[in-house]
Amino acid sequence: MANYLRPIALTVNELSPGLFHWALLDSNDERMVFDHRFMMAEEPYDSFEKAARAGMLNWLKLAGDDTKRGPRIEVKRTPLVPAPGPWTPQAQRKTSRETSTA
């Protein structure tokens, strides 16, 4: 299993004048489209800087003790399994049984 840096983006929005909210987004595909918000501010901040710093601190917390490497995601790889067909052993056995009983 591979261990990759988790793709995360920090954004700050001003939903009302003077009220700033941070959000952390992640991507679930190779195109790096950050469309899944998984963590956000519960209360607004009175400046962009405060919201951005709070978001960054929460992002760093995701790394745990390993702040040199950052937050990681474990990618589980599924083994390749051949599709059923005349080339698989099960299909060959079934074909030979059918021909022997005919």
PDB file of N, CA and C in Angstrom:
ATOM      1  N   MET A   1       0.825  -1.173   0.000  1.00  0.00           N
ATOM      2  CA  MET A   1       0.000   0.000   0.000  1.00  0.00           C
ATOM      3  C   MET A   1       0.873   1.242   0.000  1.00  0.00           C
ATOM      4  N   ALA A   2       0.522   2.173  -0.839  1.00  0.00           N
ATOM      5  CA  ALA A   2       1.294   3.409  -0.965  1.00  0.00           C
ATOM      6  C   ALA A   2       0.790   4.448   0.033  1.00  0.00           C
ATOM      7  N   ASN A   3       1.669   5.361   0.370  1.00  0.00           N
ATOM      8  CA  ASN A   3       1.368   6.404   1.324  1.00  0.00           C
ATOM      9  C   ASN A   3       1.659   7.740   0.646  1.00  0.00           C
ATOM     10  N   TYR A   4       0.620   8.493   0.268  1.00  0.00           N
ATOM     11  CA  TYR A   4       0.774   9.725  -0.482  1.00  0.00           C
ATOM     12  C   TYR A   4       0.362  10.937   0.344  1.00  0.00           C
ATOM     13  N   LEU A   5       0.924  12.083  -0.013  1.00  0.00           N
ATOM     14  CA  LEU A   5       0.508  13.337   0.592  1.00  0.00           C
ATOM     15  C   LEU A   5      -0.947  13.590   0.208  1.00  0.00           C
ATOM     16  N   ARG A   6      -1.761  13.879   1.200  1.00  0.00           N
ATOM     17  CA  ARG A   6      -3.181  14.094   0.952  1.00  0.00           C
ATOM     18  C   ARG A   6      -3.380  15.450   0.272  1.00  0.00           C
ATOM     19  N   PRO A   7      -4.060  15.495  -0.867  1.00  0.00           N
ATOM     20  CA  PRO A   7      -4.281  16.770  -1.554  1.00  0.00           C
ATOM     21  C   PRO A   7      -5.350  17.593  -0.834  1.00  0.00           C
ATOM     22  N   ILE A   8      -4.916  18.699  -0.233  1.00  0.00           N
ATOM     23  CA  ILE A   8      -5.812  19.554   0.548  1.00  0.00           C
ATOM     24  C   ILE A   8      -5.625  20.999   0.099  1.00  0.00           C
ATOM     25  N   ALA A   9      -6.714  21.744   0.039  1.00  0.00           N
ATOM     26  CA  ALA A   9      -6.670  23.168  -0.281  1.00  0.00           C
ATOM     27  C   ALA A   9      -7.369  23.941   0.833  1.00  0.00           C
ATOM     28  N   LEU A  10      -6.840  25.106   1.139  1.00  0.00           N
ATOM     29  CA  LEU A  10      -7.432  26.013   2.125  1.00  0.00           C
ATOM     30  C   LEU A  10      -8.075  27.174   1.380  1.00  0.00           C
ATOM     31  N   THR A  11      -9.287  27.492   1.741  1.00  0.00           N
ATOM     32  CA  THR A  11      -9.958  28.643   1.154  1.00  0.00           C
ATOM     33  C   THR A  11     -10.573  29.488   2.259  1.00  0.00           C
ATOM     34  N   VAL A  12     -10.663  30.790   2.021  1.00  0.00           N
ATOM     35  CA  VAL A  12     -11.309  31.718   2.947  1.00  0.00           C
ATOM     36  C   VAL A  12     -12.379  32.463   2.170  1.00  0.00           C
ATOM     37  N   ASN A  13     -13.585  32.471   2.710  1.00  0.00           N
ATOM     38  CA  ASN A  13     -14.716  33.151   2.074  1.00  0.00           C
ATOM     39  C   ASN A  13     -15.250  34.239   2.992  1.00  0.00           C
ATOM     40  N   GLU A  14     -15.746  35.308   2.402  1.00  0.00           N
ATOM     41  CA  GLU A  14     -16.400  36.381   3.147  1.00  0.00           C
ATOM     42  C   GLU A  14     -17.891  36.272   2.850  1.00  0.00           C
ATOM     43  N   LEU A  15     -18.594  35.526   3.704  1.00  0.00           N
ATOM     44  CA  LEU A  15     -20.011  35.263   3.456  1.00  0.00           C
ATOM     45  C   LEU A  15     -20.875  36.488   3.716  1.00  0.00           C
ATOM     46  N   SER A  16     -20.462  37.308   4.666  1.00  0.00           N
ATOM     47  CA  SER A  16     -21.100  38.599   4.950  1.00  0.00           C
ATOM     48  C   SER A  16     -19.981  39.620   5.066  1.00  0.00           C
ATOM     49  N   PRO A  17     -20.244  40.885   4.796  1.00  0.00           N
ATOM     50  CA  PRO A  17     -19.173  41.885   4.881  1.00  0.00           C
ATOM     51  C   PRO A  17     -18.485  41.880   6.246  1.00  0.00           C
ATOM     52  N   GLY A  18     -17.165  41.637   6.230  1.00  0.00           N
ATOM     53  CA  GLY A  18     -16.369  41.635   7.454  1.00  0.00           C
ATOM     54  C   GLY A  18     -16.390  40.344   8.247  1.00  0.00           C
ATOM     55  N   LEU A  19     -17.059  39.296   7.750  1.00  0.00           N
ATOM     56  CA  LEU A  19     -17.118  38.000   8.441  1.00  0.00           C
ATOM     57  C   LEU A  19     -16.506  36.932   7.530  1.00  0.00           C
ATOM     58  N   PHE A  20     -15.386  36.381   7.973  1.00  0.00           N
ATOM     59  CA  PHE A  20     -14.593  35.463   7.153  1.00  0.00           C
ATOM     60  C   PHE A  20     -14.644  34.052   7.730  1.00  0.00           C
ATOM     61  N   HIS A  21     -14.800  33.084   6.842  1.00  0.00           N
ATOM     62  CA  HIS A  21     -14.830  31.664   7.211  1.00  0.00           C
ATOM     63  C   HIS A  21     -13.761  30.925   6.415  1.00  0.00           C
ATOM     64  N   TRP A  22     -13.026  30.033   7.086  1.00  0.00           N
ATOM     65  CA  TRP A  22     -12.064  29.188   6.383  1.00  0.00           C
ATOM     66  C   TRP A  22     -12.708  27.821   6.140  1.00  0.00           C
ATOM     67  N   ALA A  23     -12.213  27.116   5.146  1.00  0.00           N
ATOM     68  CA  ALA A  23     -12.657  25.740   4.862  1.00  0.00           C
ATOM     69  C   ALA A  23     -11.491  24.975   4.259  1.00  0.00           C
ATOM     70  N   LEU A  24     -11.397  23.693   4.610  1.00  0.00           N
ATOM     71  CA  LEU A  24     -10.419  22.795   4.002  1.00  0.00           C
ATOM     72  C   LEU A  24     -11.154  21.888   3.022  1.00  0.00           C
ATOM     73  N   LEU A  25     -10.600  21.797   1.827  1.00  0.00           N
ATOM     74  CA  LEU A  25     -11.187  20.989   0.758  1.00  0.00           C
ATOM     75  C   LEU A  25     -10.199  19.905   0.368  1.00  0.00           C
ATOM     76  N   ASP A  26     -10.699  18.774  -0.076  1.00  0.00           N
ATOM     77  CA  ASP A  26      -9.798  17.754  -0.606  1.00  0.00           C
ATOM     78  C   ASP A  26     -10.309  17.253  -1.945  1.00  0.00           C
ATOM     79  N   SER A  27      -9.423  16.558  -2.634  1.00  0.00           N
ATOM     80  CA  SER A  27      -9.707  16.065  -3.971  1.00  0.00           C
ATOM     81  C   SER A  27      -9.735  14.546  -3.946  1.00  0.00           C
ATOM     82  N   ASN A  28     -10.657  13.980  -4.688  1.00  0.00           N
ATOM     83  CA  ASN A  28     -10.771  12.519  -4.747  1.00  0.00           C
ATOM     84  C   ASN A  28     -10.315  11.933  -6.074  1.00  0.00           C
ATOM     85  N   ASP A  29      -9.709  12.745  -6.926  1.00  0.00           N
ATOM     86  CA  ASP A  29      -9.269  12.216  -8.212  1.00  0.00           C
ATOM     87  C   ASP A  29      -7.945  12.838  -8.635  1.00  0.00           C
ATOM     88  N   GLU A  30      -7.414  12.370  -9.742  1.00  0.00           N
ATOM     89  CA  GLU A  30      -6.106  12.808 -10.222  1.00  0.00           C
ATOM     90  C   GLU A  30      -6.138  14.207 -10.826  1.00  0.00           C
ATOM     91  N   ARG A  31      -7.320  14.721 -11.153  1.00  0.00           N
ATOM     92  CA  ARG A  31      -7.412  16.032 -11.781  1.00  0.00           C
ATOM     93  C   ARG A  31      -7.215  17.167 -10.785  1.00  0.00           C
ATOM     94  N   MET A  32      -7.141  16.855  -9.507  1.00  0.00           N
ATOM     95  CA  MET A  32      -6.957  17.829  -8.435  1.00  0.00           C
ATOM     96  C   MET A  32      -8.080  18.863  -8.415  1.00  0.00           C
ATOM     97  N   VAL A  33      -9.298  18.410  -8.559  1.00  0.00           N
ATOM     98  CA  VAL A  33     -10.464  19.268  -8.417  1.00  0.00           C
ATOM     99  C   VAL A  33     -10.871  19.192  -6.950  1.00  0.00           C
ATOM    100  N   PHE A  34     -10.775  20.309  -6.255  1.00  0.00           N
ATOM    101  CA  PHE A  34     -11.066  20.343  -4.824  1.00  0.00           C
ATOM    102  C   PHE A  34     -12.539  20.681  -4.636  1.00  0.00           C
ATOM    103  N   ASP A  35     -13.357  19.641  -4.546  1.00  0.00           N
ATOM    104  CA  ASP A  35     -14.797  19.847  -4.480  1.00  0.00           C
ATOM    105  C   ASP A  35     -15.441  19.263  -3.220  1.00  0.00           C
ATOM    106  N   HIS A  36     -14.654  18.701  -2.336  1.00  0.00           N
ATOM    107  CA  HIS A  36     -15.204  18.078  -1.143  1.00  0.00           C
ATOM    108  C   HIS A  36     -14.730  18.838   0.097  1.00  0.00           C
ATOM    109  N   ARG A  37     -15.639  19.581   0.738  1.00  0.00           N
ATOM    110  CA  ARG A  37     -15.299  20.321   1.960  1.00  0.00           C
ATOM    111  C   ARG A  37     -15.428  19.357   3.136  1.00  0.00           C
ATOM    112  N   PHE A  38     -14.328  19.132   3.856  1.00  0.00           N
ATOM    113  CA  PHE A  38     -14.374  18.176   4.958  1.00  0.00           C
ATOM    114  C   PHE A  38     -14.143  18.812   6.320  1.00  0.00           C
ATOM    115  N   MET A  39     -13.737  20.080   6.358  1.00  0.00           N
ATOM    116  CA  MET A  39     -13.542  20.763   7.632  1.00  0.00           C
ATOM    117  C   MET A  39     -13.762  22.253   7.388  1.00  0.00           C
ATOM    118  N   MET A  40     -14.435  22.938   8.332  1.00  0.00           N
ATOM    119  CA  MET A  40     -14.685  24.364   8.151  1.00  0.00           C
ATOM    120  C   MET A  40     -14.814  25.058   9.499  1.00  0.00           C
ATOM    121  N   ALA A  41     -14.700  26.379   9.457  1.00  0.00           N
ATOM    122  CA  ALA A  41     -14.828  27.191  10.668  1.00  0.00           C
ATOM    123  C   ALA A  41     -16.251  27.091  11.201  1.00  0.00           C
ATOM    124  N   GLU A  42     -16.352  26.986  12.516  1.00  0.00           N
ATOM    125  CA  GLU A  42     -17.680  26.966  13.124  1.00  0.00           C
ATOM    126  C   GLU A  42     -18.204  28.380  13.342  1.00  0.00           C
ATOM    127  N   GLU A  43     -17.302  29.318  13.603  1.00  0.00           N
ATOM    128  CA  GLU A  43     -17.660  30.711  13.837  1.00  0.00           C
ATOM    129  C   GLU A  43     -16.861  31.600  12.895  1.00  0.00           C
ATOM    130  N   PRO A  44     -17.400  32.743  12.504  1.00  0.00           N
ATOM    131  CA  PRO A  44     -16.669  33.641  11.605  1.00  0.00           C
ATOM    132  C   PRO A  44     -15.550  34.396  12.328  1.00  0.00           C
ATOM    133  N   TYR A  45     -14.592  34.874  11.542  1.00  0.00           N
ATOM    134  CA  TYR A  45     -13.475  35.691  12.035  1.00  0.00           C
ATOM    135  C   TYR A  45     -13.658  37.106  11.499  1.00  0.00           C
ATOM    136  N   ASP A  46     -13.093  38.075  12.236  1.00  0.00           N
ATOM    137  CA  ASP A  46     -13.279  39.473  11.824  1.00  0.00           C
ATOM    138  C   ASP A  46     -12.247  39.962  10.814  1.00  0.00           C
ATOM    139  N   SER A  47     -11.331  39.077  10.395  1.00  0.00           N
ATOM    140  CA  SER A  47     -10.382  39.458   9.346  1.00  0.00           C
ATOM    141  C   SER A  47     -10.003  38.227   8.521  1.00  0.00           C
ATOM    142  N   PHE A  48      -9.597  38.509   7.298  1.00  0.00           N
ATOM    143  CA  PHE A  48      -9.130  37.452   6.417  1.00  0.00           C
ATOM    144  C   PHE A  48      -7.922  36.754   7.035  1.00  0.00           C
ATOM    145  N   GLU A  49      -6.995  37.526   7.578  1.00  0.00           N
ATOM    146  CA  GLU A  49      -5.766  36.956   8.138  1.00  0.00           C
ATOM    147  C   GLU A  49      -6.057  35.985   9.271  1.00  0.00           C
ATOM    148  N   LYS A  50      -6.949  36.350  10.176  1.00  0.00           N
ATOM    149  CA  LYS A  50      -7.284  35.459  11.294  1.00  0.00           C
ATOM    150  C   LYS A  50      -7.913  34.163  10.793  1.00  0.00           C
ATOM    151  N   ALA A  51      -8.791  34.271   9.812  1.00  0.00           N
ATOM    152  CA  ALA A  51      -9.437  33.076   9.259  1.00  0.00           C
ATOM    153  C   ALA A  51      -8.412  32.197   8.555  1.00  0.00           C
ATOM    154  N   ALA A  52      -7.514  32.811   7.768  1.00  0.00           N
ATOM    155  CA  ALA A  52      -6.499  32.042   7.049  1.00  0.00           C
ATOM    156  C   ALA A  52      -5.551  31.341   8.022  1.00  0.00           C
ATOM    157  N   ARG A  53      -5.134  32.032   9.080  1.00  0.00           N
ATOM    158  CA  ARG A  53      -4.239  31.414  10.079  1.00  0.00           C
ATOM    159  C   ARG A  53      -4.933  30.260  10.794  1.00  0.00           C
ATOM    160  N   ALA A  54      -6.195  30.440  11.148  1.00  0.00           N
ATOM    161  CA  ALA A  54      -6.934  29.364  11.821  1.00  0.00           C
ATOM    162  C   ALA A  54      -7.081  28.153  10.901  1.00  0.00           C
ATOM    163  N   GLY A  55      -7.361  28.398   9.637  1.00  0.00           N
ATOM    164  CA  GLY A  55      -7.463  27.297   8.671  1.00  0.00           C
ATOM    165  C   GLY A  55      -6.146  26.567   8.517  1.00  0.00           C
ATOM    166  N   MET A  56      -5.039  27.325   8.454  1.00  0.00           N
ATOM    167  CA  MET A  56      -3.711  26.712   8.323  1.00  0.00           C
ATOM    168  C   MET A  56      -3.378  25.875   9.560  1.00  0.00           C
ATOM    169  N   LEU A  57      -3.714  26.363  10.740  1.00  0.00           N
ATOM    170  CA  LEU A  57      -3.454  25.585  11.957  1.00  0.00           C
ATOM    171  C   LEU A  57      -4.227  24.264  11.947  1.00  0.00           C
ATOM    172  N   ASN A  58      -5.459  24.304  11.495  1.00  0.00           N
ATOM    173  CA  ASN A  58      -6.242  23.061  11.404  1.00  0.00           C
ATOM    174  C   ASN A  58      -5.685  22.126  10.354  1.00  0.00           C
ATOM    175  N   TRP A  59      -5.159  22.687   9.274  1.00  0.00           N
ATOM    176  CA  TRP A  59      -4.518  21.878   8.229  1.00  0.00           C
ATOM    177  C   TRP A  59      -3.285  21.192   8.797  1.00  0.00           C
ATOM    178  N   LEU A  60      -2.479  21.931   9.538  1.00  0.00           N
ATOM    179  CA  LEU A  60      -1.274  21.352  10.140  1.00  0.00           C
ATOM    180  C   LEU A  60      -1.611  20.268  11.160  1.00  0.00           C
ATOM    181  N   LYS A  61      -2.722  20.422  11.869  1.00  0.00           N
ATOM    182  CA  LYS A  61      -3.135  19.402  12.851  1.00  0.00           C
ATOM    183  C   LYS A  61      -3.399  18.057  12.172  1.00  0.00           C
ATOM    184  N   LEU A  62      -3.810  18.095  10.915  1.00  0.00           N
ATOM    185  CA  LEU A  62      -4.076  16.847  10.187  1.00  0.00           C
ATOM    186  C   LEU A  62      -2.813  16.012  10.005  1.00  0.00           C
ATOM    187  N   ALA A  63      -1.647  16.670  10.044  1.00  0.00           N
ATOM    188  CA  ALA A  63      -0.379  15.950   9.877  1.00  0.00           C
ATOM    189  C   ALA A  63       0.004  15.202  11.148  1.00  0.00           C
ATOM    190  N   GLY A  64      -0.618  15.535  12.263  1.00  0.00           N
ATOM    191  CA  GLY A  64      -0.271  14.891  13.533  1.00  0.00           C
ATOM    192  C   GLY A  64       1.146  15.242  13.935  1.00  0.00           C
ATOM    193  N   ASP A  65       1.931  14.241  14.309  1.00  0.00           N
ATOM    194  CA  ASP A  65       3.310  14.455  14.742  1.00  0.00           C
ATOM    195  C   ASP A  65       4.279  14.592  13.579  1.00  0.00           C
ATOM    196  N   ASP A  66       3.861  14.255  12.386  1.00  0.00           N
ATOM    197  CA  ASP A  66       4.758  14.246  11.233  1.00  0.00           C
ATOM    198  C   ASP A  66       4.582  15.504  10.380  1.00  0.00           C
ATOM    199  N   THR A  67       4.920  16.669  10.940  1.00  0.00           N
ATOM    200  CA  THR A  67       4.730  17.924  10.209  1.00  0.00           C
ATOM    201  C   THR A  67       5.756  18.110   9.093  1.00  0.00           C
ATOM    202  N   LYS A  68       6.829  17.318   9.094  1.00  0.00           N
ATOM    203  CA  LYS A  68       7.790  17.409   7.989  1.00  0.00           C
ATOM    204  C   LYS A  68       7.218  16.809   6.710  1.00  0.00           C
ATOM    205  N   ARG A  69       6.410  15.774   6.842  1.00  0.00           N
ATOM    206  CA  ARG A  69       5.862  15.075   5.661  1.00  0.00           C
ATOM    207  C   ARG A  69       4.440  15.496   5.337  1.00  0.00           C
ATOM    208  N   GLY A  70       3.712  16.057   6.289  1.00  0.00           N
ATOM    209  CA  GLY A  70       2.350  16.509   6.047  1.00  0.00           C
ATOM    210  C   GLY A  70       1.316  15.409   6.201  1.00  0.00           C
ATOM    211  N   PRO A  71       0.035  15.768   6.055  1.00  0.00           N
ATOM    212  CA  PRO A  71      -1.033  14.773   6.193  1.00  0.00           C
ATOM    213  C   PRO A  71      -0.980  13.764   5.057  1.00  0.00           C
ATOM    214  N   ARG A  72      -1.062  12.515   5.415  1.00  0.00           N
ATOM    215  CA  ARG A  72      -0.923  11.426   4.434  1.00  0.00           C
ATOM    216  C   ARG A  72      -2.236  10.686   4.268  1.00  0.00           C
ATOM    217  N   ILE A  73      -2.339  10.034   3.124  1.00  0.00           N
ATOM    218  CA  ILE A  73      -3.474   9.169   2.839  1.00  0.00           C
ATOM    219  C   ILE A  73      -2.914   7.837   2.363  1.00  0.00           C
ATOM    220  N   GLU A  74      -3.487   6.775   2.842  1.00  0.00           N
ATOM    221  CA  GLU A  74      -3.044   5.442   2.439  1.00  0.00           C
ATOM    222  C   GLU A  74      -3.918   4.974   1.284  1.00  0.00           C
ATOM    223  N   VAL A  75      -3.287   4.712   0.168  1.00  0.00           N
ATOM    224  CA  VAL A  75      -4.009   4.259  -1.016  1.00  0.00           C
ATOM    225  C   VAL A  75      -3.950   2.746  -1.065  1.00  0.00           C
ATOM    226  N   LYS A  76      -5.121   2.125  -1.016  1.00  0.00           N
ATOM    227  CA  LYS A  76      -5.188   0.667  -1.090  1.00  0.00           C
ATOM    228  C   LYS A  76      -5.330   0.267  -2.545  1.00  0.00           C
ATOM    229  N   ARG A  77      -4.460  -0.579  -2.966  1.00  0.00           N
ATOM    230  CA  ARG A  77      -4.510  -1.046  -4.354  1.00  0.00           C
ATOM    231  C   ARG A  77      -5.175  -2.417  -4.382  1.00  0.00           C
ATOM    232  N   THR A  78      -6.066  -2.575  -5.329  1.00  0.00           N
ATOM    233  CA  THR A  78      -6.722  -3.872  -5.480  1.00  0.00           C
ATOM    234  C   THR A  78      -5.966  -4.680  -6.519  1.00  0.00           C
ATOM    235  N   PRO A  79      -5.764  -5.951  -6.250  1.00  0.00           N
ATOM    236  CA  PRO A  79      -5.033  -6.777  -7.215  1.00  0.00           C
ATOM    237  C   PRO A  79      -5.855  -6.955  -8.486  1.00  0.00           C
ATOM    238  N   LEU A  80      -5.147  -7.093  -9.578  1.00  0.00           N
ATOM    239  CA  LEU A  80      -5.819  -7.335 -10.851  1.00  0.00           C
ATOM    240  C   LEU A  80      -6.339  -8.765 -10.888  1.00  0.00           C
ATOM    241  N   VAL A  81      -7.569  -8.902 -11.277  1.00  0.00           N
ATOM    242  CA  VAL A  81      -8.197 -10.216 -11.393  1.00  0.00           C
ATOM    243  C   VAL A  81      -8.635 -10.369 -12.845  1.00  0.00           C
ATOM    244  N   PRO A  82      -8.233 -11.464 -13.493  1.00  0.00           N
ATOM    245  CA  PRO A  82      -8.636 -11.622 -14.894  1.00  0.00           C
ATOM    246  C   PRO A  82     -10.142 -11.765 -15.021  1.00  0.00           C
ATOM    247  N   ALA A  83     -10.671 -11.195 -16.049  1.00  0.00           N
ATOM    248  CA  ALA A  83     -12.098 -11.304 -16.324  1.00  0.00           C
ATOM    249  C   ALA A  83     -12.421 -12.741 -16.718  1.00  0.00           C
ATOM    250  N   PRO A  84     -13.602 -13.233 -16.361  1.00  0.00           N
ATOM    251  CA  PRO A  84     -13.952 -14.598 -16.748  1.00  0.00           C
ATOM    252  C   PRO A  84     -14.077 -14.698 -18.263  1.00  0.00           C
ATOM    253  N   GLY A  85     -13.666 -15.781 -18.772  1.00  0.00           N
ATOM    254  CA  GLY A  85     -13.719 -16.008 -20.210  1.00  0.00           C
ATOM    255  C   GLY A  85     -13.140 -17.365 -20.532  1.00  0.00           C
ATOM    256  N   PRO A  86     -13.001 -17.687 -21.786  1.00  0.00           N
ATOM    257  CA  PRO A  86     -12.513 -19.016 -22.173  1.00  0.00           C
ATOM    258  C   PRO A  86     -11.057 -19.252 -21.773  1.00  0.00           C
ATOM    259  N   TRP A  87     -10.323 -18.225 -21.363  1.00  0.00           N
ATOM    260  CA  TRP A  87      -8.909 -18.384 -21.017  1.00  0.00           C
ATOM    261  C   TRP A  87      -8.687 -18.655 -19.542  1.00  0.00           C
ATOM    262  N   THR A  88      -9.746 -18.610 -18.694  1.00  0.00           N
ATOM    263  CA  THR A  88      -9.563 -18.863 -17.268  1.00  0.00           C
ATOM    264  C   THR A  88      -9.668 -20.349 -16.986  1.00  0.00           C
ATOM    265  N   PRO A  89      -8.984 -20.843 -15.945  1.00  0.00           N
ATOM    266  CA  PRO A  89      -9.038 -22.267 -15.611  1.00  0.00           C
ATOM    267  C   PRO A  89     -10.457 -22.757 -15.335  1.00  0.00           C
ATOM    268  N   GLN A  90     -11.310 -21.931 -14.678  1.00  0.00           N
ATOM    269  CA  GLN A  90     -12.676 -22.358 -14.383  1.00  0.00           C
ATOM    270  C   GLN A  90     -13.451 -22.586 -15.677  1.00  0.00           C
ATOM    271  N   ALA A  91     -13.300 -21.711 -16.632  1.00  0.00           N
ATOM    272  CA  ALA A  91     -14.016 -21.860 -17.906  1.00  0.00           C
ATOM    273  C   ALA A  91     -13.511 -23.076 -18.666  1.00  0.00           C
ATOM    274  N   GLN A  92     -12.214 -23.362 -18.602  1.00  0.00           N
ATOM    275  CA  GLN A  92     -11.653 -24.511 -19.301  1.00  0.00           C
ATOM    276  C   GLN A  92     -12.181 -25.804 -18.697  1.00  0.00           C
ATOM    277  N   ARG A  93     -12.264 -25.864 -17.346  1.00  0.00           N
ATOM    278  CA  ARG A  93     -12.782 -27.073 -16.703  1.00  0.00           C
ATOM    279  C   ARG A  93     -14.239 -27.298 -17.082  1.00  0.00           C
ATOM    280  N   LYS A  94     -15.034 -26.211 -17.068  1.00  0.00           N
ATOM    281  CA  LYS A  94     -16.445 -26.340 -17.398  1.00  0.00           C
ATOM    282  C   LYS A  94     -16.606 -26.795 -18.850  1.00  0.00           C
ATOM    283  N   THR A  95     -15.820 -26.256 -19.753  1.00  0.00           N
ATOM    284  CA  THR A  95     -15.894 -26.627 -21.162  1.00  0.00           C
ATOM    285  C   THR A  95     -15.521 -28.092 -21.355  1.00  0.00           C
ATOM    286  N   SER A  96     -14.479 -28.555 -20.653  1.00  0.00           N
ATOM    287  CA  SER A  96     -14.072 -29.952 -20.820  1.00  0.00           C
ATOM    288  C   SER A  96     -15.112 -30.891 -20.223  1.00  0.00           C
ATOM    289  N   ARG A  97     -15.781 -30.508 -19.116  1.00  0.00           N
ATOM    290  CA  ARG A  97     -16.839 -31.339 -18.558  1.00  0.00           C
ATOM    291  C   ARG A  97     -18.024 -31.413 -19.506  1.00  0.00           C
ATOM    292  N   GLU A  98     -18.387 -30.264 -20.087  1.00  0.00           N
ATOM    293  CA  GLU A  98     -19.527 -30.252 -21.004  1.00  0.00           C
ATOM    294  C   GLU A  98     -19.269 -31.121 -22.219  1.00  0.00           C
ATOM    295  N   THR A  99     -18.058 -31.104 -22.714  1.00  0.00           N
ATOM    296  CA  THR A  99     -17.756 -31.894 -23.911  1.00  0.00           C
ATOM    297  C   THR A  99     -17.668 -33.382 -23.570  1.00  0.00           C
ATOM    298  N   SER A 100     -17.261 -33.743 -22.341  1.00  0.00           N
ATOM    299  CA  SER A 100     -17.145 -35.154 -21.997  1.00  0.00           C
ATOM    300  C   SER A 100     -18.499 -35.795 -21.750  1.00  0.00           C
ATOM    301  N   THR A 101     -19.502 -35.027 -21.331  1.00  0.00           N
ATOM    302  CA  THR A 101     -20.826 -35.584 -21.085  1.00  0.00           C
ATOM    303  C   THR A 101     -21.694 -35.600 -22.332  1.00  0.00           C
ATOM    304  N   ALA A 102     -21.280 -34.937 -23.371  1.00  0.00           N
ATOM    305  CA  ALA A 102     -22.106 -34.839 -24.575  1.00  0.00           C
ATOM    306  C   ALA A 102     -22.059 -36.049 -25.420  1.00  0.00           C
TER     307      ALA A 102
END
